[in-house]
Structures are given as structure tokens and as C-alpha cells.
Amino acid sequence: MPLESVTTVVARNKFSTLINRVAFGQERILLTRRERKIAAIVPIRDLERIMELDLPAPSEEDRARAMDDEVRRLSGCL
């Protein structure tokens, strides 16, 4: 699906319509000002995926602790 570009003036005038298209139609809308990309309106599902990418990677200590926990959990099942 192509990404639609909308100026901020149009977005302000059609805000409710654009929000409904994004929320219910799962569309993504690019906002522009003076022909420059400045923001996007995206479905919440997309935002959640983006935010997951921003999570810090687990430290070596955290990974070791998780492995120990998993070994303990599995050894209790045997």
C-alpha cells in the first residue's frame, strides 16, 4: 500500500477522517510541511513494534541470569 502524504494544513482540516483511516483502516499517513517530511500518523500496532526496537539489548549478566532460570525451570520438569 503506497504511503499517502498530507500537508499539515490538510491534516488539521481533516484530522478526524485521517485518524479513523489510520485506526480502522490500518493506513499510514505521512505529514509534510513545505514539501518536507515532518511526521507520520501510524496505527498503534506499528508504534508498538517501533517501541520494541528501541528497547535496550539485554546485558551479558541478564542473559546469563535468564539461562540459569531456564535451566532451573527445565530441570524441575525432568
N, C-alpha and C. Protein backbone atom coordinates (compact mmCIF):
# COMPACT_ATOMS: atom_id res chain seq x y z
N MET A 1 0.85 -1.17 0.00
CA MET A 1 0.00 0.00 0.00
C MET A 1 0.90 1.24 0.00
N PRO A 2 0.71 2.15 -0.96
CA PRO A 2 1.55 3.36 -1.00
C PRO A 2 1.27 4.27 0.19
N LEU A 3 2.30 4.97 0.60
CA LEU A 3 2.18 5.88 1.73
C LEU A 3 1.64 7.22 1.23
N GLU A 4 0.51 7.65 1.77
CA GLU A 4 -0.08 8.91 1.36
C GLU A 4 0.58 10.07 2.11
N SER A 5 0.89 11.13 1.39
CA SER A 5 1.43 12.35 2.00
C SER A 5 0.32 13.37 2.11
N VAL A 6 0.26 14.04 3.26
CA VAL A 6 -0.75 15.06 3.51
C VAL A 6 -0.05 16.25 4.16
N THR A 7 -0.38 17.43 3.71
CA THR A 7 0.21 18.61 4.34
C THR A 7 -0.40 18.80 5.73
N THR A 8 0.31 19.52 6.56
CA THR A 8 -0.21 19.76 7.91
C THR A 8 -1.51 20.57 7.88
N VAL A 9 -1.67 21.42 6.89
CA VAL A 9 -2.90 22.21 6.76
C VAL A 9 -4.07 21.29 6.46
N VAL A 10 -3.89 20.38 5.51
CA VAL A 10 -4.95 19.42 5.18
C VAL A 10 -5.22 18.52 6.37
N ALA A 11 -4.15 18.06 7.04
CA ALA A 11 -4.31 17.19 8.21
C ALA A 11 -5.13 17.87 9.30
N ARG A 12 -4.87 19.14 9.53
CA ARG A 12 -5.62 19.88 10.55
C ARG A 12 -7.10 19.95 10.18
N ASN A 13 -7.38 20.16 8.91
CA ASN A 13 -8.77 20.29 8.46
C ASN A 13 -9.50 18.95 8.39
N LYS A 14 -8.75 17.86 8.23
CA LYS A 14 -9.37 16.53 8.09
C LYS A 14 -8.89 15.57 9.18
N PHE A 15 -8.54 16.12 10.34
CA PHE A 15 -7.94 15.32 11.40
C PHE A 15 -8.77 14.08 11.75
N SER A 16 -10.04 14.25 11.99
CA SER A 16 -10.90 13.14 12.39
C SER A 16 -10.93 12.05 11.32
N THR A 17 -11.04 12.44 10.09
CA THR A 17 -11.07 11.48 8.98
C THR A 17 -9.75 10.72 8.89
N LEU A 18 -8.64 11.42 9.01
CA LEU A 18 -7.33 10.77 8.93
C LEU A 18 -7.13 9.79 10.09
N ILE A 19 -7.52 10.20 11.29
CA ILE A 19 -7.37 9.32 12.45
C ILE A 19 -8.19 8.05 12.26
N ASN A 20 -9.40 8.17 11.76
CA ASN A 20 -10.23 6.99 11.52
C ASN A 20 -9.62 6.08 10.46
N ARG A 21 -9.06 6.66 9.42
CA ARG A 21 -8.41 5.84 8.38
C ARG A 21 -7.24 5.06 8.95
N VAL A 22 -6.48 5.70 9.83
CA VAL A 22 -5.33 5.03 10.44
C VAL A 22 -5.79 3.99 11.45
N ALA A 23 -6.70 4.36 12.31
CA ALA A 23 -7.13 3.46 13.39
C ALA A 23 -7.90 2.26 12.86
N PHE A 24 -8.79 2.48 11.93
CA PHE A 24 -9.67 1.40 11.48
C PHE A 24 -9.25 0.79 10.15
N GLY A 25 -8.58 1.58 9.31
CA GLY A 25 -8.14 1.07 8.01
C GLY A 25 -6.68 0.66 7.98
N GLN A 26 -5.99 0.83 9.14
CA GLN A 26 -4.57 0.47 9.26
C GLN A 26 -3.70 1.16 8.21
N GLU A 27 -4.10 2.37 7.80
CA GLU A 27 -3.30 3.14 6.84
C GLU A 27 -2.18 3.86 7.59
N ARG A 28 -1.18 4.27 6.84
CA ARG A 28 -0.10 5.10 7.37
C ARG A 28 -0.09 6.39 6.56
N ILE A 29 -0.01 7.51 7.26
CA ILE A 29 -0.08 8.80 6.59
C ILE A 29 1.13 9.63 6.97
N LEU A 30 1.79 10.15 5.94
CA LEU A 30 2.98 10.97 6.11
C LEU A 30 2.56 12.44 6.13
N LEU A 31 3.00 13.17 7.14
CA LEU A 31 2.69 14.59 7.24
C LEU A 31 3.85 15.41 6.69
N THR A 32 3.51 16.41 5.89
CA THR A 32 4.54 17.26 5.29
C THR A 32 4.24 18.73 5.57
N ARG A 33 5.31 19.50 5.57
CA ARG A 33 5.21 20.95 5.67
C ARG A 33 6.24 21.53 4.71
N ARG A 34 5.77 22.35 3.80
CA ARG A 34 6.65 22.93 2.78
C ARG A 34 7.43 21.84 2.04
N GLU A 35 6.72 20.77 1.70
CA GLU A 35 7.24 19.63 0.94
C GLU A 35 8.32 18.83 1.68
N ARG A 36 8.45 19.06 2.99
CA ARG A 36 9.40 18.29 3.81
C ARG A 36 8.64 17.33 4.70
N LYS A 37 9.12 16.10 4.79
CA LYS A 37 8.52 15.10 5.68
C LYS A 37 8.82 15.51 7.12
N ILE A 38 7.76 15.58 7.95
CA ILE A 38 8.00 16.01 9.33
C ILE A 38 7.48 15.02 10.38
N ALA A 39 6.50 14.20 10.03
CA ALA A 39 5.93 13.25 11.00
C ALA A 39 5.07 12.25 10.25
N ALA A 40 4.58 11.27 11.00
CA ALA A 40 3.69 10.27 10.41
C ALA A 40 2.60 9.92 11.42
N ILE A 41 1.46 9.55 10.89
CA ILE A 41 0.37 9.02 11.71
C ILE A 41 0.31 7.54 11.37
N VAL A 42 0.49 6.70 12.38
CA VAL A 42 0.54 5.25 12.15
C VAL A 42 -0.38 4.53 13.12
N PRO A 43 -0.83 3.33 12.75
CA PRO A 43 -1.65 2.55 13.69
C PRO A 43 -0.85 2.23 14.96
N ILE A 44 -1.54 2.04 16.05
CA ILE A 44 -0.90 1.78 17.33
C ILE A 44 -0.03 0.52 17.26
N ARG A 45 -0.46 -0.48 16.49
CA ARG A 45 0.32 -1.71 16.33
C ARG A 45 1.71 -1.39 15.77
N ASP A 46 1.78 -0.49 14.80
CA ASP A 46 3.07 -0.09 14.24
C ASP A 46 3.93 0.61 15.28
N LEU A 47 3.32 1.50 16.05
CA LEU A 47 4.06 2.21 17.09
C LEU A 47 4.63 1.24 18.12
N GLU A 48 3.83 0.26 18.52
CA GLU A 48 4.31 -0.73 19.50
C GLU A 48 5.51 -1.50 18.96
N ARG A 49 5.48 -1.84 17.68
CA ARG A 49 6.63 -2.52 17.06
C ARG A 49 7.87 -1.63 17.07
N ILE A 50 7.68 -0.38 16.75
CA ILE A 50 8.80 0.56 16.74
C ILE A 50 9.38 0.70 18.14
N MET A 51 8.52 0.79 19.13
CA MET A 51 8.99 0.95 20.50
C MET A 51 9.74 -0.28 20.99
N GLU A 52 9.35 -1.46 20.53
CA GLU A 52 10.08 -2.68 20.88
C GLU A 52 11.51 -2.63 20.36
N LEU A 53 11.70 -2.03 19.20
CA LEU A 53 13.03 -1.91 18.63
C LEU A 53 13.92 -0.98 19.44
N ASP A 54 13.30 -0.05 20.17
CA ASP A 54 14.04 0.91 20.98
C ASP A 54 14.46 0.36 22.33
N LEU A 55 14.00 -0.83 22.68
CA LEU A 55 14.37 -1.39 23.98
C LEU A 55 15.86 -1.71 24.00
N PRO A 56 16.52 -1.45 25.11
CA PRO A 56 17.95 -1.77 25.18
C PRO A 56 18.17 -3.29 25.12
N ALA A 57 19.25 -3.67 24.50
CA ALA A 57 19.60 -5.09 24.43
C ALA A 57 19.95 -5.58 25.83
N PRO A 58 19.57 -6.81 26.15
CA PRO A 58 19.90 -7.32 27.48
C PRO A 58 21.41 -7.44 27.66
N SER A 59 21.88 -7.17 28.88
CA SER A 59 23.30 -7.27 29.17
C SER A 59 23.71 -8.73 29.23
N GLU A 60 25.00 -8.97 29.23
CA GLU A 60 25.52 -10.34 29.34
C GLU A 60 25.04 -10.96 30.66
N GLU A 61 25.03 -10.17 31.70
CA GLU A 61 24.57 -10.64 33.01
C GLU A 61 23.08 -11.04 32.97
N ASP A 62 22.27 -10.21 32.31
CA ASP A 62 20.84 -10.53 32.18
C ASP A 62 20.63 -11.81 31.38
N ARG A 63 21.40 -11.99 30.31
CA ARG A 63 21.27 -13.22 29.51
C ARG A 63 21.68 -14.43 30.32
N ALA A 64 22.77 -14.33 31.10
CA ALA A 64 23.23 -15.45 31.92
C ALA A 64 22.18 -15.79 32.97
N ARG A 65 21.59 -14.77 33.59
CA ARG A 65 20.56 -15.00 34.60
C ARG A 65 19.34 -15.68 33.97
N ALA A 66 18.96 -15.26 32.77
CA ALA A 66 17.82 -15.87 32.09
C ALA A 66 18.10 -17.32 31.75
N MET A 67 19.34 -17.62 31.34
CA MET A 67 19.70 -19.00 31.04
C MET A 67 19.66 -19.86 32.30
N ASP A 68 20.19 -19.32 33.40
CA ASP A 68 20.14 -20.06 34.67
C ASP A 68 18.70 -20.34 35.08
N ASP A 69 17.84 -19.34 34.94
CA ASP A 69 16.43 -19.52 35.29
C ASP A 69 15.79 -20.60 34.42
N GLU A 70 16.13 -20.60 33.14
CA GLU A 70 15.56 -21.59 32.24
C GLU A 70 16.06 -23.00 32.57
N VAL A 71 17.34 -23.12 32.90
CA VAL A 71 17.89 -24.42 33.28
C VAL A 71 17.19 -24.93 34.54
N ARG A 72 17.01 -24.05 35.52
CA ARG A 72 16.30 -24.45 36.74
C ARG A 72 14.86 -24.87 36.44
N ARG A 73 14.22 -24.12 35.58
CA ARG A 73 12.84 -24.44 35.22
C ARG A 73 12.76 -25.80 34.52
N LEU A 74 13.66 -26.03 33.59
CA LEU A 74 13.65 -27.30 32.85
C LEU A 74 14.06 -28.48 33.72
N SER A 75 15.00 -28.28 34.63
CA SER A 75 15.44 -29.39 35.48
C SER A 75 14.33 -29.79 36.45
N GLY A 76 13.44 -28.89 36.76
CA GLY A 76 12.30 -29.22 37.60
C GLY A 76 11.27 -30.03 36.84
N CYS A 77 11.32 -29.98 35.51
CA CYS A 77 10.36 -30.72 34.70
C CYS A 77 10.82 -32.15 34.43
N LEU A 78 12.10 -32.43 34.61
CA LEU A 78 12.63 -33.76 34.26
C LEU A 78 12.38 -34.78 35.32
